[in-house]
């Protein structure tokens, strides 16, 4: 595996772990009232997707 690919995969895994931590113990309705949570989740998911 190319070194850049390995680094990218590591970043994707870290972003997925961040998402898990952000949503632990929360409810879907919190996304409507907590913009910081919403933006953090969106950003982390973008990191996984790109």
C-alpha atoms as a PDB file:
ATOM      1  CA  UNK A   1       0.000   0.000   0.000  1.00  0.00           C
ATOM      2  CA  UNK A   2       1.274   3.450  -0.888  1.00  0.00           C
ATOM      3  CA  UNK A   3       2.250   5.592   2.119  1.00  0.00           C
ATOM      4  CA  UNK A   4      -0.253   8.338   1.209  1.00  0.00           C
ATOM      5  CA  UNK A   5      -3.040   5.749   1.036  1.00  0.00           C
ATOM      6  CA  UNK A   6      -2.110   4.489   4.471  1.00  0.00           C
ATOM      7  CA  UNK A   7      -2.190   7.991   5.921  1.00  0.00           C
ATOM      8  CA  UNK A   8      -5.560   8.690   4.255  1.00  0.00           C
ATOM      9  CA  UNK A   9      -7.059   5.486   5.640  1.00  0.00           C
ATOM     10  CA  UNK A  10      -5.795   6.354   9.105  1.00  0.00           C
ATOM     11  CA  UNK A  11      -7.473   9.768   8.879  1.00  0.00           C
ATOM     12  CA  UNK A  12     -10.715   8.150   7.738  1.00  0.00           C
ATOM     13  CA  UNK A  13     -10.660   5.722  10.674  1.00  0.00           C
ATOM     14  CA  UNK A  14      -9.984   8.571  13.108  1.00  0.00           C
ATOM     15  CA  UNK A  15     -12.898  10.548  11.661  1.00  0.00           C
ATOM     16  CA  UNK A  16     -15.198   7.523  12.045  1.00  0.00           C
ATOM     17  CA  UNK A  17     -14.088   7.144  15.654  1.00  0.00           C
ATOM     18  CA  UNK A  18     -14.782  10.840  16.217  1.00  0.00           C
ATOM     19  CA  UNK A  19     -18.302  10.391  14.848  1.00  0.00           C
ATOM     20  CA  UNK A  20     -18.894   7.521  17.266  1.00  0.00           C
ATOM     21  CA  UNK A  21     -17.743   9.658  20.188  1.00  0.00           C
ATOM     22  CA  UNK A  22     -19.792  12.681  19.083  1.00  0.00           C
ATOM     23  CA  UNK A  23     -23.051  10.715  18.902  1.00  0.00           C
ATOM     24  CA  UNK A  24     -22.598   8.464  21.921  1.00  0.00           C
ATOM     25  CA  UNK A  25     -25.558   8.909  24.252  1.00  0.00           C
ATOM     26  CA  UNK A  26     -27.239  11.526  22.043  1.00  0.00           C
ATOM     27  CA  UNK A  27     -30.566  11.576  20.244  1.00  0.00           C
ATOM     28  CA  UNK A  28     -31.292  12.497  16.637  1.00  0.00           C
ATOM     29  CA  UNK A  29     -33.301  15.530  17.778  1.00  0.00           C
ATOM     30  CA  UNK A  30     -30.133  17.117  19.178  1.00  0.00           C
ATOM     31  CA  UNK A  31     -28.957  17.808  15.636  1.00  0.00           C
ATOM     32  CA  UNK A  32     -31.782  20.337  15.333  1.00  0.00           C
ATOM     33  CA  UNK A  33     -30.761  22.244  18.453  1.00  0.00           C
ATOM     34  CA  UNK A  34     -26.996  21.771  18.579  1.00  0.00           C
ATOM     35  CA  UNK A  35     -25.391  23.334  15.515  1.00  0.00           C
ATOM     36  CA  UNK A  36     -21.889  22.634  16.786  1.00  0.00           C
ATOM     37  CA  UNK A  37     -22.674  18.917  16.962  1.00  0.00           C
ATOM     38  CA  UNK A  38     -24.232  19.001  13.504  1.00  0.00           C
ATOM     39  CA  UNK A  39     -21.251  20.747  11.942  1.00  0.00           C
ATOM     40  CA  UNK A  40     -18.782  18.448  13.698  1.00  0.00           C
ATOM     41  CA  UNK A  41     -20.599  15.389  12.374  1.00  0.00           C
ATOM     42  CA  UNK A  42     -20.854  16.777   8.861  1.00  0.00           C
ATOM     43  CA  UNK A  43     -17.162  17.636   8.807  1.00  0.00           C
ATOM     44  CA  UNK A  44     -16.123  14.224  10.116  1.00  0.00           C
ATOM     45  CA  UNK A  45     -18.337  12.449   7.593  1.00  0.00           C
ATOM     46  CA  UNK A  46     -16.891  14.588   4.789  1.00  0.00           C
ATOM     47  CA  UNK A  47     -13.435  13.423   5.869  1.00  0.00           C
ATOM     48  CA  UNK A  48     -14.543   9.817   5.521  1.00  0.00           C
ATOM     49  CA  UNK A  49     -16.281  10.290   2.184  1.00  0.00           C
ATOM     50  CA  UNK A  50     -13.701  12.298   0.250  1.00  0.00           C
END
